[in-house]
Amino acid sequence: MDTQNPSAPSRARSRNRGTNHPDGQPFAGVTHEHVRHTENFTVIGNDLVQHAELSLLAIGLACYIQSVRPGTAVDIKTLAARFPEGPTRIAAALRELEAHGYLRRSRERTATGRIVTRTVSCNRPGHRAARETPSRRPARRTAPDEPAPRKRLPAVPRPSFPAPALLQAAVDVLAGLRRHDPRLLLSATDAEHLAPGVAAWLERDLTPTAVRHALTANLPDEPLIRPAALLAHRLTAQLPPPPAFRPPASAAPEPRHPLQTCDGCERAFRAPQPGRCRDCRPGPFAGGRPE
């Protein structure tokens, strides 16, 4: 009969995870205590937060920009007012993000002539967002206070010469549409998008009243879900042709009188009727010029 060792443990003791290294020594690095987020969170890639060439300020700034809602101002002045770093350091961090493809900035002119800076934040530089087919598009969960995504408005015609005065006249036409039909109340963004289309009509010798009538005539009786889209369609589909070219009217040629023989000196001169030449007449305006 075999002898038994009563001091041997019945099973190996498991080490406490997150406390000891496999060799029995405590961990010197970080341990994570994760709680699953269910709202108010942003997914940030490790290629950004562990980037080997970006500064810590640039990484933090990129994380902040990726977390804000679309349309939030992220210019240098606004960021300097939001964070303790000054404009110089923030500007340098933005240049870092541009150099590594996490940020694209361009200056553009709006339809009203105002210069704005358009900023695009890229969470994966070098990758484009894939277009999902309707059958495979995953369901998107939105918070109760998050607005639904807005559809893009159709394109509108553009004037040949978008002068500021012409665009302002177009905005005035759009702003006055609600007086004819309250359903045509437009936002400032919609008016800015539609203004070039109205300017293209005004450029074709149409009066503001004629444009207003074309946009408000024969509207459907049911509620207008997207009035700006309806106006964009009418501005494009009903665009009148350019006015016919009319050459400038030229001055009428001076009549050429027949030659007459002077009754005094018998010299030839031009005049509408016979008589005396200028030298033989006492008055300076009584006849024609001698030849």
Protein backbone atom coordinates (compact mmCIF):
# COMPACT_ATOMS: atom_id res chain seq x y z
CA MET A 1 0.00 0.00 0.00
CA ASP A 2 1.40 3.30 -1.09
CA THR A 3 2.00 5.99 1.48
CA GLN A 4 0.24 9.34 1.07
CA ASN A 5 1.73 12.79 1.69
CA PRO A 6 -0.83 14.61 3.80
CA SER A 7 1.00 17.92 3.37
CA ALA A 8 0.65 18.06 -0.44
CA PRO A 9 -1.99 20.49 -1.62
CA SER A 10 -5.05 19.01 -3.22
CA ARG A 11 -4.68 21.39 -6.26
CA ALA A 12 -2.33 24.08 -7.48
CA ARG A 13 -3.08 27.56 -6.24
CA SER A 14 -4.09 30.03 -8.94
CA ARG A 15 -2.34 33.34 -8.90
CA ASN A 16 -4.35 36.53 -8.59
CA ARG A 17 -4.67 37.98 -12.09
CA GLY A 18 -3.51 41.51 -12.48
CA THR A 19 -1.51 41.36 -9.27
CA ASN A 20 1.49 39.07 -9.83
CA HIS A 21 3.84 38.45 -12.71
CA PRO A 22 4.23 34.82 -13.85
CA ASP A 23 7.47 34.65 -11.84
CA GLY A 24 5.64 35.65 -8.68
CA GLN A 25 6.69 39.33 -8.69
CA PRO A 26 4.10 42.17 -8.67
CA PHE A 27 3.37 43.94 -11.98
CA ALA A 28 5.33 47.18 -12.47
CA GLY A 29 3.20 48.46 -15.39
CA VAL A 30 -0.40 49.53 -15.74
CA THR A 31 -3.44 47.37 -15.18
CA HIS A 32 -6.82 48.18 -16.64
CA GLU A 33 -10.17 48.26 -14.94
CA HIS A 34 -12.68 48.49 -17.76
CA VAL A 35 -16.34 49.43 -17.53
CA ARG A 36 -18.36 49.04 -20.73
CA HIS A 37 -19.59 52.34 -22.18
CA THR A 38 -23.20 52.43 -23.31
CA GLU A 39 -23.54 56.16 -24.15
CA ASN A 40 -21.53 59.33 -24.64
CA PHE A 41 -18.33 57.70 -25.91
CA THR A 42 -16.03 57.87 -28.96
CA VAL A 43 -14.03 55.05 -30.56
CA ILE A 44 -10.37 56.08 -30.98
CA GLY A 45 -7.84 53.86 -32.76
CA ASN A 46 -4.61 52.77 -31.11
CA ASP A 47 -2.71 53.93 -34.20
CA LEU A 48 -3.53 57.47 -33.05
CA VAL A 49 -3.25 57.28 -29.27
CA GLN A 50 0.00 55.27 -29.52
CA HIS A 51 1.47 57.17 -32.47
CA ALA A 52 5.24 57.19 -32.29
CA GLU A 53 5.81 60.56 -33.98
CA LEU A 54 2.94 62.75 -32.77
CA SER A 55 3.34 64.88 -29.66
CA LEU A 56 1.12 64.29 -26.67
CA LEU A 57 -0.67 67.59 -27.34
CA ALA A 58 -1.38 66.60 -30.95
CA ILE A 59 -2.72 63.20 -29.87
CA GLY A 60 -4.99 64.77 -27.24
CA LEU A 61 -6.18 67.42 -29.68
CA ALA A 62 -6.99 64.78 -32.30
CA CYS A 63 -8.99 62.78 -29.74
CA TYR A 64 -10.95 65.90 -28.79
CA ILE A 65 -11.69 66.81 -32.43
CA GLN A 66 -12.87 63.27 -33.18
CA SER A 67 -15.22 63.36 -30.18
CA VAL A 68 -17.13 66.57 -30.98
CA ARG A 69 -20.26 66.79 -33.08
CA PRO A 70 -20.05 67.78 -36.78
CA GLY A 71 -20.13 71.54 -37.18
CA THR A 72 -18.27 72.27 -33.93
CA ALA A 73 -15.71 75.06 -34.34
CA VAL A 74 -12.15 73.71 -34.08
CA ASP A 75 -10.18 76.74 -35.23
CA ILE A 76 -7.11 77.92 -33.34
CA LYS A 77 -8.91 80.75 -31.54
CA THR A 78 -11.73 78.50 -30.32
CA LEU A 79 -9.36 75.74 -29.18
CA ALA A 80 -7.12 78.23 -27.36
CA ALA A 81 -10.16 79.47 -25.44
CA ARG A 82 -11.16 75.88 -24.60
CA PHE A 83 -7.76 74.55 -23.44
CA PRO A 84 -4.95 76.05 -21.33
CA GLU A 85 -2.38 75.70 -24.15
CA GLY A 86 -1.81 78.90 -26.08
CA PRO A 87 -2.51 79.55 -29.79
CA THR A 88 1.11 78.91 -30.78
CA ARG A 89 1.23 75.38 -29.34
CA ILE A 90 -2.24 74.54 -30.63
CA ALA A 91 -1.34 75.75 -34.13
CA ALA A 92 1.81 73.57 -34.06
CA ALA A 93 -0.22 70.53 -32.94
CA LEU A 94 -2.75 71.07 -35.76
CA ARG A 95 0.12 71.19 -38.26
CA GLU A 96 1.38 67.87 -36.85
CA LEU A 97 -2.03 66.28 -37.41
CA GLU A 98 -2.15 67.65 -40.96
CA ALA A 99 1.33 66.31 -41.73
CA HIS A 100 0.31 62.78 -40.61
CA GLY A 101 -3.08 62.83 -42.37
CA TYR A 102 -5.35 63.07 -39.33
CA LEU A 103 -6.59 66.52 -40.32
CA ARG A 104 -7.37 68.30 -43.60
CA ARG A 105 -7.98 72.04 -43.65
CA SER A 106 -8.95 74.19 -46.65
CA ARG A 107 -10.18 77.75 -47.07
CA GLU A 108 -13.34 78.04 -49.14
CA ARG A 109 -15.63 80.86 -50.26
CA THR A 110 -19.33 80.47 -49.51
CA ALA A 111 -22.12 81.47 -51.86
CA THR A 112 -22.39 84.81 -50.07
CA GLY A 113 -18.70 85.58 -50.60
CA ARG A 114 -17.54 84.85 -47.03
CA ILE A 115 -14.21 82.99 -46.55
CA VAL A 116 -14.45 80.03 -44.14
CA THR A 117 -12.05 77.25 -43.09
CA ARG A 118 -13.33 73.72 -43.76
CA THR A 119 -11.83 71.10 -41.43
CA VAL A 120 -12.03 67.33 -42.03
CA SER A 121 -11.00 64.96 -39.21
CA CYS A 122 -9.77 61.51 -40.33
CA ASN A 123 -9.71 58.70 -37.79
CA ARG A 124 -7.76 56.41 -40.17
CA PRO A 125 -5.52 58.35 -42.56
CA GLY A 126 -5.24 56.75 -45.97
CA HIS A 127 -8.59 54.96 -45.67
CA ARG A 128 -11.85 56.14 -47.19
CA ALA A 129 -15.23 55.50 -45.61
CA ALA A 130 -16.79 52.50 -47.37
CA ARG A 131 -20.23 52.95 -48.91
CA GLU A 132 -22.60 50.44 -47.37
CA THR A 133 -25.37 48.82 -49.37
CA PRO A 134 -28.89 49.19 -47.91
CA SER A 135 -29.21 45.43 -47.38
CA ARG A 136 -26.00 45.19 -45.31
CA ARG A 137 -26.10 48.54 -43.54
CA PRO A 138 -26.02 47.93 -39.78
CA ALA A 139 -28.68 49.48 -37.61
CA ARG A 140 -27.44 52.72 -36.10
CA ARG A 141 -28.41 53.44 -32.54
CA THR A 142 -28.82 57.09 -31.71
CA ALA A 143 -29.27 58.83 -28.43
CA PRO A 144 -32.73 60.32 -27.80
CA ASP A 145 -31.41 63.88 -28.16
CA GLU A 146 -29.30 63.21 -31.29
CA PRO A 147 -30.84 64.64 -34.48
CA ALA A 148 -31.41 62.38 -37.48
CA PRO A 149 -28.85 62.66 -40.30
CA ARG A 150 -29.78 65.36 -42.82
CA LYS A 151 -30.04 64.54 -46.52
CA ARG A 152 -27.98 66.58 -48.94
CA LEU A 153 -29.87 69.12 -51.04
CA PRO A 154 -29.81 68.76 -54.83
CA ALA A 155 -27.32 70.91 -56.72
CA VAL A 156 -28.50 74.23 -58.14
CA PRO A 157 -27.34 76.29 -61.15
CA ARG A 158 -24.47 78.74 -60.76
CA PRO A 159 -24.24 82.29 -62.12
CA SER A 160 -21.50 83.20 -64.57
CA PHE A 161 -20.40 86.15 -62.43
CA PRO A 162 -21.33 85.60 -58.73
CA ALA A 163 -21.08 89.24 -57.70
CA PRO A 164 -21.84 89.92 -53.99
CA ALA A 165 -24.68 92.29 -54.91
CA LEU A 166 -26.28 89.63 -57.13
CA LEU A 167 -26.04 86.96 -54.41
CA GLN A 168 -27.48 89.34 -51.82
CA ALA A 169 -30.44 90.03 -54.11
CA ALA A 170 -30.93 86.26 -54.44
CA VAL A 171 -30.90 85.81 -50.64
CA ASP A 172 -33.51 88.59 -50.34
CA VAL A 173 -35.76 86.73 -52.79
CA LEU A 174 -35.46 83.50 -50.78
CA ALA A 175 -36.07 85.27 -47.48
CA GLY A 176 -39.31 86.75 -48.84
CA LEU A 177 -40.82 83.44 -49.96
CA ARG A 178 -42.30 82.76 -46.53
CA ARG A 179 -44.53 85.82 -46.93
CA HIS A 180 -46.22 84.11 -49.87
CA ASP A 181 -46.35 80.64 -48.29
CA PRO A 182 -45.37 80.00 -44.64
CA ARG A 183 -44.24 76.50 -45.63
CA LEU A 184 -41.30 78.05 -47.51
CA LEU A 185 -39.55 79.20 -44.34
CA LEU A 186 -35.87 78.44 -45.00
CA SER A 187 -32.89 78.16 -42.68
CA ALA A 188 -29.78 80.23 -43.23
CA THR A 189 -27.94 77.12 -44.47
CA ASP A 190 -30.67 76.33 -47.01
CA ALA A 191 -30.73 79.93 -48.23
CA GLU A 192 -26.94 79.91 -48.66
CA HIS A 193 -27.19 76.72 -50.74
CA LEU A 194 -30.05 78.02 -52.94
CA ALA A 195 -28.75 81.57 -53.44
CA PRO A 196 -26.50 80.76 -56.45
CA GLY A 197 -29.47 79.15 -58.22
CA VAL A 198 -31.62 82.26 -57.77
CA ALA A 199 -28.67 84.42 -58.86
CA ALA A 200 -28.44 82.38 -62.08
CA TRP A 201 -32.08 83.32 -62.80
CA LEU A 202 -31.56 86.99 -62.00
CA GLU A 203 -28.50 86.99 -64.25
CA ARG A 204 -30.78 86.03 -67.17
CA ASP A 205 -32.70 89.33 -67.07
CA LEU A 206 -35.50 88.06 -64.81
CA THR A 207 -36.88 90.35 -62.13
CA PRO A 208 -37.08 89.22 -58.48
CA THR A 209 -40.87 89.19 -58.83
CA ALA A 210 -40.69 86.78 -61.78
CA VAL A 211 -38.35 84.44 -59.90
CA ARG A 212 -40.56 84.55 -56.82
CA HIS A 213 -43.63 83.67 -58.89
CA ALA A 214 -41.86 80.73 -60.56
CA LEU A 215 -40.85 79.30 -57.17
CA THR A 216 -44.22 79.71 -55.44
CA ALA A 217 -46.70 78.94 -58.25
CA ASN A 218 -48.71 75.69 -58.17
CA LEU A 219 -47.28 74.33 -54.93
CA PRO A 220 -48.80 71.04 -53.71
CA ASP A 221 -51.52 71.21 -51.09
CA GLU A 222 -49.96 68.64 -48.77
CA PRO A 223 -47.32 69.63 -46.17
CA LEU A 224 -43.85 70.28 -47.59
CA ILE A 225 -41.42 67.88 -45.90
CA ARG A 226 -38.30 69.39 -47.53
CA PRO A 227 -39.17 72.81 -48.99
CA ALA A 228 -35.51 73.58 -49.79
CA ALA A 229 -35.25 70.41 -51.92
CA LEU A 230 -38.40 71.40 -53.82
CA LEU A 231 -37.00 74.87 -54.52
CA ALA A 232 -33.66 73.39 -55.63
CA HIS A 233 -35.50 71.14 -58.11
CA ARG A 234 -37.49 74.05 -59.53
CA LEU A 235 -34.42 76.26 -59.86
CA THR A 236 -32.73 73.55 -61.93
CA ALA A 237 -35.63 72.09 -63.93
CA GLN A 238 -37.24 75.44 -64.84
CA LEU A 239 -34.06 77.44 -65.48
CA PRO A 240 -34.89 79.81 -68.38
CA PRO A 241 -32.53 80.13 -71.36
CA PRO A 242 -30.05 82.99 -71.55
CA PRO A 243 -31.42 86.18 -73.10
CA ALA A 244 -30.92 86.65 -76.84
CA PHE A 245 -27.79 88.57 -77.79
CA ARG A 246 -28.59 92.14 -78.80
CA PRO A 247 -25.72 94.11 -80.34
CA PRO A 248 -25.43 97.67 -79.08
CA ALA A 249 -27.33 100.17 -81.17
CA SER A 250 -24.98 102.21 -83.38
CA ALA A 251 -25.42 105.91 -84.04
CA ALA A 252 -27.24 106.81 -87.26
CA PRO A 253 -24.80 107.92 -89.99
CA GLU A 254 -24.71 111.60 -90.82
CA PRO A 255 -26.67 112.26 -94.05
CA ARG A 256 -24.51 113.01 -97.07
CA HIS A 257 -26.02 115.90 -99.07
CA PRO A 258 -25.73 116.20 -102.85
CA LEU A 259 -23.31 118.57 -104.55
CA GLN A 260 -24.65 122.02 -105.35
CA THR A 261 -23.14 124.85 -107.44
CA CYS A 262 -22.74 128.10 -105.59
CA ASP A 263 -24.80 130.91 -107.14
CA GLY A 264 -22.10 133.42 -106.18
CA CYS A 265 -18.69 131.86 -106.95
CA GLU A 266 -19.84 128.76 -108.83
CA ARG A 267 -17.84 126.49 -106.53
CA ALA A 268 -19.18 123.05 -105.67
CA PHE A 269 -20.42 122.46 -102.17
CA ARG A 270 -22.70 119.95 -100.42
CA ALA A 271 -26.08 121.14 -99.21
CA PRO A 272 -29.66 119.84 -99.16
CA GLN A 273 -30.75 122.48 -101.70
CA PRO A 274 -29.16 124.95 -104.14
CA GLY A 275 -27.90 128.30 -102.87
CA ARG A 276 -24.66 129.97 -101.91
CA CYS A 277 -21.60 128.38 -100.32
CA ARG A 278 -20.38 129.24 -96.86
CA ASP A 279 -17.96 131.90 -98.11
CA CYS A 280 -20.60 133.68 -100.14
CA ARG A 281 -23.27 133.69 -97.45
CA PRO A 282 -23.40 136.31 -94.68
CA GLY A 283 -24.51 133.74 -92.02
CA PRO A 284 -22.18 130.89 -90.89
CA PHE A 285 -24.98 128.28 -90.69
CA ALA A 286 -26.98 128.99 -93.84
CA GLY A 287 -25.40 126.42 -96.19
CA GLY A 288 -23.01 123.52 -96.56
CA ARG A 289 -19.25 123.14 -96.70
CA PRO A 290 -17.35 124.08 -99.86
CA GLU A 291 -15.53 121.32 -101.68
